[in-house]
Each structure stands twice: as structure tokens, then as C-alpha cells.
């Protein structure tokens, strides 16, 4: 009985974690697309917290090493204003959409 309850709790925990990840991805994608719409073809400063930066760096991986390296410097900061060029924002949106 304990084993099945423990298994059920573990499954529930995994389901919640998956839901959180999906919500975090949706929120990050919305933030990026709103930023892109606001700064159409102009450089701008995007405000991200450390967990959002870490998530982006994780998603970027080998797809854009230069951008991943630049963003990784902001990982441990509580909040950051990161200057992004239009093509970098487009790249981030595409990567987050495909993840």
C-alpha cells in the first residue's frame, strides 16, 4: 500500500513539474514575443530574472553558442536588463517555440 501511494505521489510530482515547465515556457515565449513586437527591428533592453536567463541558456545549447555564452553571464543575477539585437530576439523566439 505504501509503495503504491509513494508511486502515485511521485507521478503527481512529475506531472506538476511538467506543468510548471510548460507554464514557464509559455511565459518566457510571451515575454520574448511582446518584446519583439514593442521593439520592431530595433535594439532594446529585455528584463529577465536569473531563472529565465538560465532557462534560455539551457534551451539555446549548441544552437547559438555565442548568444548562450553572452547570456550565461547574467545567470546568477537576480534581475538583469539585457541588450538584445533584433536578430537575437528572433533567434530566441524560434528556439523557445521549438523546445
C-alpha atoms as a PDB file:
ATOM      1  CA  UNK A   1       0.000   0.000   0.000  1.00  0.00           C
ATOM      2  CA  UNK A   2       2.776   2.432   0.893  1.00  0.00           C
ATOM      3  CA  UNK A   3       4.617   1.688  -2.316  1.00  0.00           C
ATOM      4  CA  UNK A   4       1.614   2.474  -4.489  1.00  0.00           C
ATOM      5  CA  UNK A   5       0.941   5.687  -2.568  1.00  0.00           C
ATOM      6  CA  UNK A   6       4.573   6.697  -2.945  1.00  0.00           C
ATOM      7  CA  UNK A   7       4.460   5.900  -6.644  1.00  0.00           C
ATOM      8  CA  UNK A   8       1.276   7.910  -7.029  1.00  0.00           C
ATOM      9  CA  UNK A   9       2.867  10.884  -5.241  1.00  0.00           C
ATOM     10  CA  UNK A  10       5.957  10.664  -7.444  1.00  0.00           C
ATOM     11  CA  UNK A  11       3.824  10.580 -10.586  1.00  0.00           C
ATOM     12  CA  UNK A  12       1.822  13.546  -9.322  1.00  0.00           C
ATOM     13  CA  UNK A  13       5.043  15.433  -8.605  1.00  0.00           C
ATOM     14  CA  UNK A  14       6.308  14.734 -12.129  1.00  0.00           C
ATOM     15  CA  UNK A  15       3.014  15.928 -13.590  1.00  0.00           C
ATOM     16  CA  UNK A  16       3.224  19.162 -11.596  1.00  0.00           C
ATOM     17  CA  UNK A  17       6.824  19.709 -12.665  1.00  0.00           C
ATOM     18  CA  UNK A  18       5.866  19.219 -16.311  1.00  0.00           C
ATOM     19  CA  UNK A  19       3.003  21.697 -15.938  1.00  0.00           C
ATOM     20  CA  UNK A  20       5.333  24.249 -14.342  1.00  0.00           C
ATOM     21  CA  UNK A  21       7.860  23.829 -17.131  1.00  0.00           C
ATOM     22  CA  UNK A  22       5.171  24.314 -19.753  1.00  0.00           C
ATOM     23  CA  UNK A  23       3.871  27.416 -17.952  1.00  0.00           C
ATOM     24  CA  UNK A  24       7.403  28.817 -17.626  1.00  0.00           C
ATOM     25  CA  UNK A  25       8.000  28.228 -21.333  1.00  0.00           C
ATOM     26  CA  UNK A  26       4.726  29.953 -22.231  1.00  0.00           C
ATOM     27  CA  UNK A  27       5.543  32.936 -20.018  1.00  0.00           C
ATOM     28  CA  UNK A  28       9.044  33.228 -21.474  1.00  0.00           C
ATOM     29  CA  UNK A  29       7.743  32.955 -25.027  1.00  0.00           C
ATOM     30  CA  UNK A  30       5.134  35.650 -24.342  1.00  0.00           C
ATOM     31  CA  UNK A  31       7.764  37.943 -22.840  1.00  0.00           C
ATOM     32  CA  UNK A  32      10.020  37.484 -25.884  1.00  0.00           C
ATOM     33  CA  UNK A  33       7.262  37.951 -28.471  1.00  0.00           C
ATOM     34  CA  UNK A  34       5.924  41.043 -26.671  1.00  0.00           C
ATOM     35  CA  UNK A  35       9.439  42.461 -26.560  1.00  0.00           C
ATOM     36  CA  UNK A  36       9.903  41.749 -30.267  1.00  0.00           C
ATOM     37  CA  UNK A  37       6.604  43.462 -31.104  1.00  0.00           C
ATOM     38  CA  UNK A  38       7.461  46.501 -28.998  1.00  0.00           C
ATOM     39  CA  UNK A  39      10.987  46.930 -30.381  1.00  0.00           C
ATOM     40  CA  UNK A  40      10.349  46.079 -34.022  1.00  0.00           C
ATOM     41  CA  UNK A  41      13.747  45.903 -35.722  1.00  0.00           C
ATOM     42  CA  UNK A  42      15.438  47.958 -33.001  1.00  0.00           C
ATOM     43  CA  UNK A  43      17.858  47.091 -30.256  1.00  0.00           C
ATOM     44  CA  UNK A  44      16.282  47.077 -26.801  1.00  0.00           C
ATOM     45  CA  UNK A  45      16.797  46.052 -23.191  1.00  0.00           C
ATOM     46  CA  UNK A  46      14.922  42.958 -22.080  1.00  0.00           C
ATOM     47  CA  UNK A  47      14.364  42.448 -18.352  1.00  0.00           C
ATOM     48  CA  UNK A  48      14.797  38.864 -17.226  1.00  0.00           C
ATOM     49  CA  UNK A  49      15.304  37.224 -13.878  1.00  0.00           C
ATOM     50  CA  UNK A  50      18.054  34.700 -13.248  1.00  0.00           C
ATOM     51  CA  UNK A  51      15.832  31.648 -13.696  1.00  0.00           C
ATOM     52  CA  UNK A  52      14.585  32.925 -17.068  1.00  0.00           C
ATOM     53  CA  UNK A  53      18.158  33.510 -18.229  1.00  0.00           C
ATOM     54  CA  UNK A  54      19.164  30.030 -17.051  1.00  0.00           C
ATOM     55  CA  UNK A  55      16.208  28.527 -18.931  1.00  0.00           C
ATOM     56  CA  UNK A  56      17.165  30.396 -22.122  1.00  0.00           C
ATOM     57  CA  UNK A  57      20.800  29.302 -21.881  1.00  0.00           C
ATOM     58  CA  UNK A  58      19.624  25.715 -21.363  1.00  0.00           C
ATOM     59  CA  UNK A  59      17.318  25.886 -24.391  1.00  0.00           C
ATOM     60  CA  UNK A  60      19.876  27.601 -26.630  1.00  0.00           C
ATOM     61  CA  UNK A  61      22.540  24.964 -26.010  1.00  0.00           C
ATOM     62  CA  UNK A  62      24.584  24.492 -29.188  1.00  0.00           C
ATOM     63  CA  UNK A  63      22.088  26.262 -31.426  1.00  0.00           C
ATOM     64  CA  UNK A  64      23.669  29.686 -30.862  1.00  0.00           C
ATOM     65  CA  UNK A  65      26.849  29.304 -28.770  1.00  0.00           C
ATOM     66  CA  UNK A  66      27.827  32.985 -28.891  1.00  0.00           C
ATOM     67  CA  UNK A  67      24.448  34.132 -27.569  1.00  0.00           C
ATOM     68  CA  UNK A  68      24.381  31.350 -24.964  1.00  0.00           C
ATOM     69  CA  UNK A  69      27.802  32.415 -23.713  1.00  0.00           C
ATOM     70  CA  UNK A  70      26.783  36.076 -23.548  1.00  0.00           C
ATOM     71  CA  UNK A  71      23.545  35.294 -21.682  1.00  0.00           C
ATOM     72  CA  UNK A  72      25.220  32.883 -19.261  1.00  0.00           C
ATOM     73  CA  UNK A  73      26.983  35.858 -17.675  1.00  0.00           C
ATOM     74  CA  UNK A  74      23.578  37.042 -16.421  1.00  0.00           C
ATOM     75  CA  UNK A  75      22.546  33.690 -14.952  1.00  0.00           C
ATOM     76  CA  UNK A  76      23.379  34.391 -11.310  1.00  0.00           C
ATOM     77  CA  UNK A  77      21.900  37.878 -11.166  1.00  0.00           C
ATOM     78  CA  UNK A  78      18.534  38.378  -9.541  1.00  0.00           C
ATOM     79  CA  UNK A  79      17.238  40.652 -12.347  1.00  0.00           C
ATOM     80  CA  UNK A  80      19.005  41.761 -15.478  1.00  0.00           C
ATOM     81  CA  UNK A  81      18.458  44.176 -18.305  1.00  0.00           C
ATOM     82  CA  UNK A  82      19.991  42.513 -21.318  1.00  0.00           C
ATOM     83  CA  UNK A  83      20.556  44.449 -24.529  1.00  0.00           C
ATOM     84  CA  UNK A  84      19.419  42.338 -27.459  1.00  0.00           C
ATOM     85  CA  UNK A  85      19.670  42.951 -31.171  1.00  0.00           C
ATOM     86  CA  UNK A  86      16.601  42.207 -33.321  1.00  0.00           C
ATOM     87  CA  UNK A  87      18.129  39.046 -34.849  1.00  0.00           C
ATOM     88  CA  UNK A  88      18.995  37.756 -31.358  1.00  0.00           C
ATOM     89  CA  UNK A  89      15.395  38.183 -30.222  1.00  0.00           C
ATOM     90  CA  UNK A  90      14.180  36.381 -33.367  1.00  0.00           C
ATOM     91  CA  UNK A  91      16.622  33.567 -32.652  1.00  0.00           C
ATOM     92  CA  UNK A  92      15.457  33.258 -29.030  1.00  0.00           C
ATOM     93  CA  UNK A  93      11.786  33.215 -30.025  1.00  0.00           C
ATOM     94  CA  UNK A  94      12.429  30.478 -32.584  1.00  0.00           C
ATOM     95  CA  UNK A  95      14.417  28.369 -30.100  1.00  0.00           C
ATOM     96  CA  UNK A  96      11.800  28.671 -27.356  1.00  0.00           C
ATOM     97  CA  UNK A  97       8.987  27.868 -29.808  1.00  0.00           C
ATOM     98  CA  UNK A  98      10.750  24.697 -30.952  1.00  0.00           C
ATOM     99  CA  UNK A  99      11.622  23.491 -27.452  1.00  0.00           C
END
